[in-house]
Amino acid sequence: MDRRKFVVATGVGVGLAGCIDANVDSSGGGTDQSDPGDSNGPTGSGDSSDDSDPSLDDEASADESRGDDGNGDRDGDETDNEDETEDGPDRSVTFHSCTRATVSGTFDADDVAFASTGFYDEGLYGDTILEDGVVFGDDVTAPFSGSVTFEIGNESNVDAGDEEIVVEVPDYGNDGTVITSLTTRRADYMGAAPTHANPHADECLGELEPDGDGDDGTATFDVAGAETNAPVTAGEYLEASVEIENAGGTSGTETVELIVGTDPERVDARQITLDAGERTILTVGYETPPVDNDQEFPVRVETEGDAVTRTVLVYGTG
């Protein structure tokens, strides 16, 4: 089911225009209207009602603590895009940036991890609800212990590793796409509701909104997609190619880094300069160290405000 919705932008901000369901009911011949201010929307409070499925009360009864400070303020230059919350005793959720989020913990069969988005396309606002994600035991193996990373990329894709699952979320809008919430509880999934709202979703969307309040004087380097030459044999050169776009309103220079391993280590860094709206393909890499056994580990390419992650395999020489 195509759950994307489009809204005519009013120039006054997200939430003031009528939300138009892109799926027209052929029997009624009209369009379904919904209130974009509904708290169950992708940028709502993140709290859901357990009575959406009485059989799941036990699963949905765990209290969740919200790790933000209540006003959405960012705390520092290096961490101003990251907000971590708890999802029960064994999971944590982090919104690293407007386009990347992670849920970490243990997942059993029928557990879920899905992302919802908001986007602008040719001046129109739209959203997706639970379009991108996985059902454990159906889409990926269960039980699973590790992290599920959602990131905006070029296409819909799921890359499942032993300790990390990467869900690539398509860039639905030509003007940009934001991960607005994650749904990680079965009861919320059944009710098409968010479990965790991105506390900076409104700010992120404001930067994309035509004639909005975004800072046109700031360079913002976004990372999309990631192609590697893995698998490689230990001692060979491992490369990752990504698309870097300056989504800000002015030219700028940033350092793009390649981070590898479960114990993260920076192995390459490149400085690039882009004009506003300019894109480029950048390749980073390093010579893998000699190992006897096969190794599977994450590699991450990141800018100051965005990152993409892939799981790679290096064959041992023993």
Protein backbone atom coordinates (compact mmCIF):
# COMPACT_ATOMS: atom_id res chain seq x y z
CA MET A 1 0.00 0.00 0.00
CA ASP A 2 1.36 3.41 -0.98
CA ARG A 3 1.09 5.46 2.19
CA ARG A 4 2.74 8.59 0.86
CA LYS A 5 0.71 11.72 1.31
CA PHE A 6 1.14 15.09 -0.31
CA VAL A 7 0.28 18.46 1.13
CA VAL A 8 0.05 21.79 -0.62
CA ALA A 9 2.61 24.02 1.05
CA THR A 10 1.17 27.26 2.41
CA GLY A 11 4.47 28.99 3.16
CA VAL A 12 3.40 29.32 6.80
CA GLY A 13 4.93 26.04 7.91
CA VAL A 14 4.29 22.32 8.04
CA GLY A 15 1.01 21.30 9.61
CA LEU A 16 -1.22 24.18 8.47
CA ALA A 17 -2.20 22.72 5.11
CA GLY A 18 -4.73 19.97 4.46
CA CYS A 19 -3.22 16.51 4.11
CA ILE A 20 -4.34 14.74 0.93
CA ASP A 21 -4.12 10.93 0.73
CA ALA A 22 -2.51 9.98 -2.58
CA ASN A 23 -4.65 6.80 -2.67
CA VAL A 24 -8.09 7.88 -3.93
CA ASP A 25 -10.95 5.58 -2.93
CA SER A 26 -12.32 4.54 -6.30
CA SER A 27 -15.69 3.67 -4.80
CA GLY A 28 -16.20 7.12 -3.33
CA GLY A 29 -14.42 9.11 -6.01
CA GLY A 30 -12.93 11.55 -3.48
CA THR A 31 -9.78 12.09 -1.43
CA ASP A 32 -9.33 11.20 2.21
CA GLN A 33 -8.43 14.13 4.46
CA SER A 34 -6.39 13.78 7.64
CA ASP A 35 -5.25 16.31 10.21
CA PRO A 36 -1.48 16.92 9.86
CA GLY A 37 -1.46 17.97 13.52
CA ASP A 38 -2.59 14.49 14.64
CA SER A 39 -0.37 13.27 17.49
CA ASN A 40 -0.19 9.86 15.82
CA GLY A 41 1.51 11.34 12.75
CA PRO A 42 5.20 10.80 12.04
CA THR A 43 6.22 13.96 13.88
CA GLY A 44 3.87 13.44 16.82
CA SER A 45 4.69 12.81 20.44
CA GLY A 46 5.75 9.20 19.87
CA ASP A 47 3.39 7.85 22.55
CA SER A 48 0.89 5.26 21.36
CA SER A 49 -2.22 3.67 22.81
CA ASP A 50 -1.90 0.05 23.89
CA ASP A 51 -5.56 -0.61 23.12
CA SER A 52 -4.79 -0.76 19.41
CA ASP A 53 -4.30 -4.53 19.86
CA PRO A 54 -5.36 -5.98 23.25
CA SER A 55 -3.44 -9.19 22.60
CA LEU A 56 -0.22 -7.22 22.64
CA ASP A 57 -0.69 -5.45 25.98
CA ASP A 58 2.17 -7.30 27.66
CA GLU A 59 4.57 -6.46 24.87
CA ALA A 60 3.61 -2.81 24.74
CA SER A 61 3.42 -2.18 28.49
CA ALA A 62 7.08 -1.29 29.08
CA ASP A 63 7.58 2.39 29.96
CA GLU A 64 9.86 4.35 27.69
CA SER A 65 12.09 7.19 28.79
CA ARG A 66 12.61 10.13 26.50
CA GLY A 67 16.27 11.09 26.45
CA ASP A 68 15.88 14.64 25.16
CA ASP A 69 15.74 17.74 27.32
CA GLY A 70 12.09 18.47 26.53
CA ASN A 71 12.67 21.42 24.27
CA GLY A 72 14.59 19.87 21.40
CA ASP A 73 17.68 22.01 22.00
CA ARG A 74 21.00 20.68 20.83
CA ASP A 75 23.84 20.45 23.33
CA GLY A 76 27.06 20.92 21.39
CA ASP A 77 28.74 21.14 18.01
CA GLU A 78 29.75 17.48 17.91
CA THR A 79 26.55 16.05 19.31
CA ASP A 80 23.93 18.55 18.22
CA ASN A 81 22.38 16.07 15.77
CA GLU A 82 22.20 13.11 18.15
CA ASP A 83 19.40 12.32 20.60
CA GLU A 84 19.27 8.95 22.34
CA THR A 85 16.23 7.45 24.06
CA GLU A 86 15.51 4.12 25.67
CA ASP A 87 13.17 1.59 24.05
CA GLY A 88 12.60 -0.77 26.97
CA PRO A 89 15.38 -2.28 29.09
CA ASP A 90 17.29 -3.86 26.20
CA ARG A 91 17.12 -1.28 23.39
CA SER A 92 18.18 2.28 22.67
CA VAL A 93 17.23 4.65 19.84
CA THR A 94 19.47 7.42 18.50
CA PHE A 95 18.66 10.10 15.93
CA HIS A 96 22.12 10.96 14.61
CA SER A 97 20.94 13.56 12.10
CA CYS A 98 18.01 14.54 9.91
CA THR A 99 18.73 11.58 7.64
CA ARG A 100 20.11 8.85 9.92
CA ALA A 101 18.77 6.98 12.96
CA THR A 102 19.63 3.74 14.80
CA VAL A 103 17.85 1.33 17.13
CA SER A 104 20.11 -1.11 18.99
CA GLY A 105 19.27 -4.14 21.11
CA THR A 106 17.81 -7.63 20.92
CA PHE A 107 14.93 -8.53 18.60
CA ASP A 108 12.80 -11.68 18.54
CA ALA A 109 10.52 -13.09 15.85
CA ASP A 110 7.67 -10.68 14.95
CA ASP A 111 9.52 -7.68 16.44
CA VAL A 112 9.67 -4.69 14.10
CA ALA A 113 11.85 -1.73 13.17
CA PHE A 114 10.40 0.79 10.70
CA ALA A 115 11.04 4.41 9.74
CA SER A 116 8.59 7.13 8.72
CA THR A 117 9.66 10.18 6.75
CA GLY A 118 8.66 13.68 5.73
CA PHE A 119 9.84 15.27 2.51
CA TYR A 120 9.46 18.17 0.10
CA ASP A 121 9.11 17.57 -3.62
CA GLU A 122 8.85 20.54 -5.98
CA GLY A 123 7.48 22.73 -3.21
CA LEU A 124 4.94 20.17 -1.95
CA TYR A 125 5.17 18.42 1.41
CA GLY A 126 4.58 14.69 1.68
CA ASP A 127 5.27 11.86 4.08
CA THR A 128 5.63 8.09 4.29
CA ILE A 129 4.40 6.00 7.20
CA LEU A 130 6.07 2.64 7.93
CA GLU A 131 7.20 2.27 4.31
CA ASP A 132 10.79 1.28 5.12
CA GLY A 133 11.91 -1.30 7.66
CA VAL A 134 11.96 -4.97 8.63
CA VAL A 135 9.85 -7.55 10.44
CA PHE A 136 12.16 -9.92 12.29
CA GLY A 137 11.61 -13.53 11.33
CA ASP A 138 10.02 -12.49 8.01
CA ASP A 139 12.36 -10.00 6.34
CA VAL A 140 15.49 -10.82 8.36
CA THR A 141 16.63 -13.60 10.68
CA ALA A 142 15.38 -13.74 14.27
CA PRO A 143 16.46 -13.61 16.99
CA PHE A 144 18.90 -10.79 16.27
CA SER A 145 21.21 -8.82 18.55
CA GLY A 146 22.81 -5.68 17.20
CA SER A 147 21.78 -2.43 15.55
CA VAL A 148 19.32 -1.45 12.83
CA THR A 149 20.46 1.71 11.04
CA PHE A 150 18.12 3.77 8.87
CA GLU A 151 19.65 6.22 6.41
CA ILE A 152 18.41 8.23 3.45
CA GLY A 153 19.92 6.89 0.23
CA ASN A 154 19.20 6.43 -3.44
CA GLU A 155 16.81 3.47 -3.30
CA SER A 156 14.94 1.10 -1.00
CA ASN A 157 17.30 -1.60 0.24
CA VAL A 158 18.03 -3.81 3.27
CA ASP A 159 21.60 -4.96 3.94
CA ALA A 160 21.55 -7.56 6.73
CA GLY A 161 24.81 -8.41 8.51
CA ASP A 162 25.49 -10.51 11.60
CA GLU A 163 25.51 -7.52 13.98
CA GLU A 164 24.08 -4.69 11.91
CA ILE A 165 21.15 -4.27 9.56
CA VAL A 166 21.22 -1.21 7.29
CA VAL A 167 17.88 -0.05 5.90
CA GLU A 168 18.37 2.36 3.02
CA VAL A 169 15.39 4.72 2.77
CA PRO A 170 14.76 6.30 -0.65
CA ASP A 171 15.11 10.05 -1.00
CA TYR A 172 11.40 10.55 -1.67
CA GLY A 173 11.57 14.29 -2.34
CA ASN A 174 13.66 16.23 -4.82
CA ASP A 175 14.06 18.92 -2.18
CA GLY A 176 15.08 16.48 0.56
CA THR A 177 13.79 13.80 2.94
CA VAL A 178 13.88 13.62 6.75
CA ILE A 179 13.52 10.59 9.03
CA THR A 180 10.74 11.85 11.29
CA SER A 181 10.19 8.83 13.55
CA LEU A 182 10.95 5.17 14.23
CA THR A 183 8.40 2.49 15.10
CA THR A 184 9.93 -0.28 17.19
CA ARG A 185 7.00 -1.74 19.13
CA ARG A 186 4.61 -4.25 17.62
CA ALA A 187 1.53 -2.53 19.04
CA ASP A 188 2.58 0.79 17.47
CA TYR A 189 3.27 -0.98 14.18
CA MET A 190 -0.22 -2.48 14.13
CA GLY A 191 -1.66 0.99 14.74
CA ALA A 192 0.65 2.69 12.18
CA ALA A 193 1.96 4.92 14.97
CA PRO A 194 5.46 6.14 15.86
CA THR A 195 7.29 4.81 18.91
CA HIS A 196 10.05 7.44 18.86
CA ALA A 197 9.70 10.85 17.18
CA ASN A 198 12.80 12.61 15.90
CA PRO A 199 12.99 15.61 18.28
CA HIS A 200 14.50 17.74 15.50
CA ALA A 201 12.07 16.73 12.74
CA ASP A 202 10.35 20.13 12.59
CA GLU A 203 13.69 21.92 12.43
CA CYS A 204 14.96 19.54 9.74
CA LEU A 205 11.83 19.96 7.63
CA GLY A 206 11.99 23.72 8.11
CA GLU A 207 15.37 23.70 6.37
CA LEU A 208 13.77 22.02 3.35
CA GLU A 209 10.56 24.05 3.27
CA PRO A 210 10.36 26.56 0.39
CA ASP A 211 10.76 30.11 1.73
CA GLY A 212 11.01 28.57 5.20
CA ASP A 213 13.21 29.44 8.11
CA GLY A 214 16.23 27.42 7.00
CA ASP A 215 19.61 29.13 7.27
CA ASP A 216 20.51 29.99 3.67
CA GLY A 217 23.97 31.04 4.85
CA THR A 218 25.02 27.57 5.99
CA ALA A 219 26.72 24.81 4.01
CA THR A 220 25.31 21.37 4.86
CA PHE A 221 27.04 18.30 3.43
CA ASP A 222 24.73 15.27 3.07
CA VAL A 223 25.90 11.74 2.28
CA ALA A 224 23.83 9.44 0.05
CA GLY A 225 24.37 5.79 -0.81
CA ALA A 226 27.59 3.84 -0.40
CA GLU A 227 29.17 1.39 -2.81
CA THR A 228 32.15 -0.73 -1.72
CA ASN A 229 34.49 -3.15 -3.47
CA ALA A 230 33.94 -5.73 -0.71
CA PRO A 231 34.52 -8.56 -0.25
CA VAL A 232 38.29 -8.20 -0.37
CA THR A 233 41.14 -10.33 0.94
CA ALA A 234 43.08 -9.14 4.00
CA GLY A 235 45.91 -6.87 2.88
CA GLU A 236 43.99 -5.56 -0.13
CA TYR A 237 42.63 -2.04 -0.51
CA LEU A 238 39.02 -1.55 0.63
CA GLU A 239 37.15 1.34 -1.01
CA ALA A 240 33.82 3.05 -0.43
CA SER A 241 32.28 5.50 -2.90
CA VAL A 242 29.54 7.91 -1.79
CA GLU A 243 27.63 10.88 -3.19
CA ILE A 244 28.20 14.10 -1.26
CA GLU A 245 25.75 16.99 -1.72
CA ASN A 246 25.92 20.49 -0.31
CA ALA A 247 22.26 20.89 0.65
CA GLY A 248 22.87 24.29 2.25
CA GLY A 249 22.48 27.76 0.84
CA THR A 250 26.13 28.68 0.38
CA SER A 251 29.44 27.13 -0.64
CA GLY A 252 31.50 25.41 2.01
CA THR A 253 34.34 23.04 2.84
CA GLU A 254 34.12 19.93 5.03
CA THR A 255 36.19 16.87 5.87
CA VAL A 256 34.74 13.49 4.87
CA GLU A 257 35.98 10.61 7.02
CA LEU A 258 36.05 6.82 6.66
CA ILE A 259 35.45 5.06 10.00
CA VAL A 260 35.82 1.26 10.26
CA GLY A 261 35.27 -1.50 12.81
CA THR A 262 33.07 -2.22 15.80
CA ASP A 263 35.71 -0.34 17.80
CA PRO A 264 35.56 2.68 15.47
CA GLU A 265 38.83 3.83 13.92
CA ARG A 266 39.34 6.63 11.40
CA VAL A 267 41.40 5.28 8.49
CA ASP A 268 40.93 7.96 5.82
CA ALA A 269 39.87 11.61 5.57
CA ARG A 270 39.34 13.87 2.55
CA GLN A 271 38.56 17.59 2.47
CA ILE A 272 36.14 18.73 -0.22
CA THR A 273 34.62 22.06 -1.24
CA LEU A 274 31.18 22.31 -2.85
CA ASP A 275 28.97 25.17 -4.00
CA ALA A 276 25.37 25.34 -2.78
CA GLY A 277 23.40 22.51 -4.40
CA GLU A 278 26.51 20.92 -5.91
CA ARG A 279 27.01 17.14 -5.79
CA THR A 280 30.08 14.98 -6.27
CA ILE A 281 31.13 11.33 -6.01
CA LEU A 282 33.92 10.77 -3.49
CA THR A 283 35.92 7.57 -2.96
CA VAL A 284 37.71 6.86 0.31
CA GLY A 285 39.55 3.73 1.38
CA TYR A 286 42.42 2.04 3.19
CA GLU A 287 44.66 -1.03 3.08
CA THR A 288 43.10 -3.73 5.23
CA PRO A 289 45.42 -5.29 7.84
CA PRO A 290 46.45 -8.97 7.61
CA VAL A 291 44.11 -11.36 9.47
CA ASP A 292 43.92 -15.16 9.54
CA ASN A 293 40.14 -15.51 9.73
CA ASP A 294 37.30 -13.93 7.77
CA GLN A 295 36.13 -10.66 9.32
CA GLU A 296 32.78 -8.86 8.90
CA PHE A 297 32.53 -5.33 10.25
CA PRO A 298 30.85 -1.96 9.62
CA VAL A 299 32.40 0.87 7.60
CA ARG A 300 30.99 4.40 7.88
CA VAL A 301 31.53 7.44 5.68
CA GLU A 302 30.60 10.62 7.49
CA THR A 303 30.56 14.40 7.21
CA GLU A 304 30.02 16.81 10.09
CA GLY A 305 26.25 16.30 10.01
CA ASP A 306 25.52 13.07 8.14
CA ALA A 307 26.79 9.53 7.57
CA VAL A 308 26.13 6.25 5.77
CA THR A 309 27.13 2.79 6.99
CA ARG A 310 27.72 -0.51 5.23
CA THR A 311 28.77 -3.96 6.48
CA VAL A 312 31.76 -5.43 4.61
CA LEU A 313 33.51 -8.80 4.52
CA VAL A 314 37.29 -9.25 4.50
CA TYR A 315 38.59 -12.74 3.80
CA GLY A 316 41.30 -14.05 6.10
CA THR A 317 44.56 -15.44 4.73
CA GLY A 318 44.99 -18.24 7.27
